[in-house]
Amino acid sequence: MKTITAAEAKNAFGKFLDMAQREPVLVTKMGRPVGAFFSIADLEAVAWGERALAAERDGYVGVEASEALIAGLLNAAD
């Protein structure tokens, strides 16, 4: 994770945005962390990961397991 100061983020905002597209950026002020900047792609990946974990907790199965279950049910009916 890159680290830049709040002043650097303010004075070179375009560069700051470009940096965040490559990796998260930690923003510091007076030497202490005050924020972090992530790209939209990073946030979407986290959101989809959270949804997948929630689905797994709720008992949903993946595509391959679903296909196998359906095939098994269809074969049992024959």
N, C-alpha and C. Protein backbone atom coordinates (compact mmCIF):
# COMPACT_ATOMS: atom_id res chain seq x y z
N MET A 1 0.84 -1.17 0.00
CA MET A 1 0.00 0.00 0.00
C MET A 1 0.89 1.23 0.00
N LYS A 2 0.61 2.12 -0.92
CA LYS A 2 1.34 3.40 -0.97
C LYS A 2 0.86 4.30 0.16
N THR A 3 1.74 5.20 0.58
CA THR A 3 1.39 6.18 1.60
C THR A 3 1.73 7.56 1.08
N ILE A 4 0.79 8.50 1.21
CA ILE A 4 1.06 9.90 0.86
C ILE A 4 0.45 10.79 1.93
N THR A 5 0.94 12.00 2.00
CA THR A 5 0.41 12.95 2.98
C THR A 5 -0.87 13.58 2.42
N ALA A 6 -1.67 14.13 3.31
CA ALA A 6 -2.89 14.83 2.89
C ALA A 6 -2.55 16.00 1.97
N ALA A 7 -1.44 16.68 2.26
CA ALA A 7 -1.02 17.81 1.42
C ALA A 7 -0.67 17.32 0.01
N GLU A 8 0.04 16.20 -0.09
CA GLU A 8 0.38 15.65 -1.41
C GLU A 8 -0.89 15.26 -2.16
N ALA A 9 -1.85 14.65 -1.46
CA ALA A 9 -3.11 14.27 -2.11
C ALA A 9 -3.84 15.50 -2.63
N LYS A 10 -3.83 16.56 -1.86
CA LYS A 10 -4.50 17.80 -2.25
C LYS A 10 -3.80 18.45 -3.44
N ASN A 11 -2.48 18.52 -3.40
CA ASN A 11 -1.73 19.25 -4.42
C ASN A 11 -1.53 18.46 -5.71
N ALA A 12 -1.67 17.16 -5.66
CA ALA A 12 -1.49 16.34 -6.85
C ALA A 12 -2.61 15.31 -6.93
N PHE A 13 -3.85 15.81 -6.94
CA PHE A 13 -5.01 14.93 -6.85
C PHE A 13 -5.08 13.94 -8.01
N GLY A 14 -4.75 14.38 -9.22
CA GLY A 14 -4.76 13.48 -10.38
C GLY A 14 -3.79 12.32 -10.20
N LYS A 15 -2.59 12.63 -9.72
CA LYS A 15 -1.60 11.58 -9.45
C LYS A 15 -2.11 10.64 -8.36
N PHE A 16 -2.75 11.23 -7.34
CA PHE A 16 -3.33 10.46 -6.24
C PHE A 16 -4.37 9.48 -6.78
N LEU A 17 -5.25 9.93 -7.66
CA LEU A 17 -6.26 9.05 -8.25
C LEU A 17 -5.62 7.94 -9.07
N ASP A 18 -4.60 8.27 -9.85
CA ASP A 18 -3.89 7.26 -10.64
C ASP A 18 -3.25 6.21 -9.74
N MET A 19 -2.65 6.64 -8.64
CA MET A 19 -2.02 5.70 -7.71
C MET A 19 -3.05 4.71 -7.17
N ALA A 20 -4.23 5.22 -6.84
CA ALA A 20 -5.27 4.38 -6.25
C ALA A 20 -5.82 3.35 -7.24
N GLN A 21 -5.64 3.59 -8.53
CA GLN A 21 -6.08 2.61 -9.53
C GLN A 21 -5.17 1.38 -9.53
N ARG A 22 -3.93 1.56 -9.08
CA ARG A 22 -2.97 0.46 -9.06
C ARG A 22 -2.97 -0.29 -7.74
N GLU A 23 -3.18 0.44 -6.64
CA GLU A 23 -3.21 -0.17 -5.31
C GLU A 23 -3.80 0.83 -4.32
N PRO A 24 -4.30 0.34 -3.18
CA PRO A 24 -4.84 1.26 -2.18
C PRO A 24 -3.79 2.27 -1.72
N VAL A 25 -4.25 3.46 -1.35
CA VAL A 25 -3.34 4.53 -0.91
C VAL A 25 -3.75 4.96 0.51
N LEU A 26 -2.80 4.93 1.42
CA LEU A 26 -3.00 5.40 2.78
C LEU A 26 -2.67 6.89 2.83
N VAL A 27 -3.55 7.68 3.41
CA VAL A 27 -3.33 9.12 3.52
C VAL A 27 -3.00 9.44 4.98
N THR A 28 -1.91 10.19 5.16
CA THR A 28 -1.49 10.56 6.51
C THR A 28 -1.55 12.08 6.68
N LYS A 29 -1.71 12.48 7.93
CA LYS A 29 -1.68 13.90 8.27
C LYS A 29 -0.92 14.01 9.58
N MET A 30 0.08 14.84 9.59
CA MET A 30 0.93 15.01 10.78
C MET A 30 1.53 13.66 11.22
N GLY A 31 1.82 12.80 10.22
CA GLY A 31 2.46 11.52 10.49
C GLY A 31 1.55 10.40 10.95
N ARG A 32 0.25 10.65 11.04
CA ARG A 32 -0.64 9.58 11.48
C ARG A 32 -1.66 9.26 10.37
N PRO A 33 -2.06 8.01 10.26
CA PRO A 33 -3.03 7.63 9.23
C PRO A 33 -4.39 8.28 9.48
N VAL A 34 -4.96 8.87 8.44
CA VAL A 34 -6.26 9.52 8.58
C VAL A 34 -7.29 9.02 7.57
N GLY A 35 -6.85 8.27 6.59
CA GLY A 35 -7.79 7.76 5.59
C GLY A 35 -7.11 6.84 4.61
N ALA A 36 -7.94 6.21 3.80
CA ALA A 36 -7.44 5.33 2.75
C ALA A 36 -8.29 5.54 1.51
N PHE A 37 -7.68 5.38 0.37
CA PHE A 37 -8.36 5.59 -0.89
C PHE A 37 -8.24 4.31 -1.70
N PHE A 38 -9.40 3.81 -2.17
CA PHE A 38 -9.45 2.58 -2.95
C PHE A 38 -10.11 2.87 -4.29
N SER A 39 -9.77 2.08 -5.29
CA SER A 39 -10.43 2.22 -6.58
C SER A 39 -11.83 1.60 -6.50
N ILE A 40 -12.67 1.95 -7.42
CA ILE A 40 -14.00 1.35 -7.50
C ILE A 40 -13.88 -0.15 -7.71
N ALA A 41 -12.93 -0.58 -8.53
CA ALA A 41 -12.74 -2.02 -8.76
C ALA A 41 -12.41 -2.75 -7.46
N ASP A 42 -11.58 -2.14 -6.61
CA ASP A 42 -11.26 -2.75 -5.32
C ASP A 42 -12.52 -2.89 -4.47
N LEU A 43 -13.32 -1.84 -4.41
CA LEU A 43 -14.54 -1.87 -3.61
C LEU A 43 -15.55 -2.88 -4.14
N GLU A 44 -15.67 -2.98 -5.46
CA GLU A 44 -16.58 -3.96 -6.05
C GLU A 44 -16.13 -5.38 -5.73
N ALA A 45 -14.82 -5.62 -5.78
CA ALA A 45 -14.30 -6.94 -5.45
C ALA A 45 -14.63 -7.31 -4.01
N VAL A 46 -14.49 -6.36 -3.11
CA VAL A 46 -14.83 -6.61 -1.70
C VAL A 46 -16.32 -6.90 -1.56
N ALA A 47 -17.14 -6.10 -2.23
CA ALA A 47 -18.60 -6.28 -2.14
C ALA A 47 -19.01 -7.65 -2.66
N TRP A 48 -18.45 -8.07 -3.80
CA TRP A 48 -18.80 -9.38 -4.35
C TRP A 48 -18.29 -10.50 -3.44
N GLY A 49 -17.13 -10.31 -2.86
CA GLY A 49 -16.61 -11.30 -1.92
C GLY A 49 -17.51 -11.44 -0.71
N GLU A 50 -18.00 -10.32 -0.19
CA GLU A 50 -18.92 -10.36 0.95
C GLU A 50 -20.22 -11.06 0.57
N ARG A 51 -20.71 -10.79 -0.63
CA ARG A 51 -21.95 -11.45 -1.08
C ARG A 51 -21.75 -12.95 -1.21
N ALA A 52 -20.61 -13.36 -1.72
CA ALA A 52 -20.33 -14.79 -1.87
C ALA A 52 -20.25 -15.46 -0.51
N LEU A 53 -19.60 -14.83 0.46
CA LEU A 53 -19.51 -15.39 1.80
C LEU A 53 -20.89 -15.49 2.45
N ALA A 54 -21.71 -14.47 2.26
CA ALA A 54 -23.06 -14.50 2.82
C ALA A 54 -23.89 -15.61 2.19
N ALA A 55 -23.76 -15.79 0.88
CA ALA A 55 -24.49 -16.86 0.20
C ALA A 55 -24.05 -18.22 0.71
N GLU A 56 -22.77 -18.39 0.91
CA GLU A 56 -22.26 -19.67 1.42
C GLU A 56 -22.79 -19.92 2.84
N ARG A 57 -22.78 -18.89 3.68
CA ARG A 57 -23.32 -19.01 5.04
C ARG A 57 -24.80 -19.38 5.03
N ASP A 58 -25.52 -18.85 4.03
CA ASP A 58 -26.96 -19.09 3.94
C ASP A 58 -27.29 -20.43 3.30
N GLY A 59 -26.26 -21.19 2.90
CA GLY A 59 -26.49 -22.53 2.37
C GLY A 59 -26.58 -22.64 0.87
N TYR A 60 -26.34 -21.56 0.16
CA TYR A 60 -26.35 -21.65 -1.30
C TYR A 60 -25.12 -22.40 -1.78
N VAL A 61 -25.27 -23.14 -2.87
CA VAL A 61 -24.15 -23.88 -3.42
C VAL A 61 -23.72 -23.25 -4.73
N GLY A 62 -22.54 -23.59 -5.18
CA GLY A 62 -22.01 -23.03 -6.41
C GLY A 62 -22.63 -23.66 -7.65
N VAL A 63 -22.18 -23.19 -8.80
CA VAL A 63 -22.70 -23.63 -10.09
C VAL A 63 -22.48 -25.13 -10.27
N GLU A 64 -21.25 -25.59 -10.04
CA GLU A 64 -20.94 -27.01 -10.27
C GLU A 64 -21.77 -27.91 -9.35
N ALA A 65 -21.91 -27.54 -8.09
CA ALA A 65 -22.70 -28.35 -7.16
C ALA A 65 -24.17 -28.33 -7.56
N SER A 66 -24.66 -27.19 -8.02
CA SER A 66 -26.05 -27.10 -8.47
C SER A 66 -26.29 -28.00 -9.68
N GLU A 67 -25.38 -27.96 -10.65
CA GLU A 67 -25.51 -28.79 -11.84
C GLU A 67 -25.48 -30.27 -11.49
N ALA A 68 -24.60 -30.66 -10.57
CA ALA A 68 -24.50 -32.06 -10.16
C ALA A 68 -25.78 -32.49 -9.45
N LEU A 69 -26.32 -31.64 -8.60
CA LEU A 69 -27.55 -31.96 -7.90
C LEU A 69 -28.71 -32.14 -8.87
N ILE A 70 -28.83 -31.23 -9.82
CA ILE A 70 -29.90 -31.33 -10.81
C ILE A 70 -29.74 -32.58 -11.66
N ALA A 71 -28.52 -32.85 -12.11
CA ALA A 71 -28.28 -34.05 -12.91
C ALA A 71 -28.64 -35.31 -12.11
N GLY A 72 -28.26 -35.32 -10.83
CA GLY A 72 -28.59 -36.47 -9.99
C GLY A 72 -30.10 -36.64 -9.84
N LEU A 73 -30.80 -35.57 -9.67
CA LEU A 73 -32.26 -35.65 -9.55
C LEU A 73 -32.90 -36.12 -10.85
N LEU A 74 -32.41 -35.63 -11.98
CA LEU A 74 -32.95 -36.04 -13.27
C LEU A 74 -32.67 -37.51 -13.54
N ASN A 75 -31.47 -37.97 -13.18
CA ASN A 75 -31.10 -39.37 -13.39
C ASN A 75 -31.91 -40.29 -12.47
N ALA A 76 -32.22 -39.84 -11.27
CA ALA A 76 -33.00 -40.64 -10.32
C ALA A 76 -34.43 -40.80 -10.79
N ALA A 77 -34.92 -39.81 -11.56
CA ALA A 77 -36.30 -39.86 -12.04
C ALA A 77 -36.45 -40.82 -13.19
N ASP A 78 -35.35 -41.19 -13.84
CA ASP A 78 -35.43 -42.09 -15.01
C ASP A 78 -35.70 -43.50 -14.65
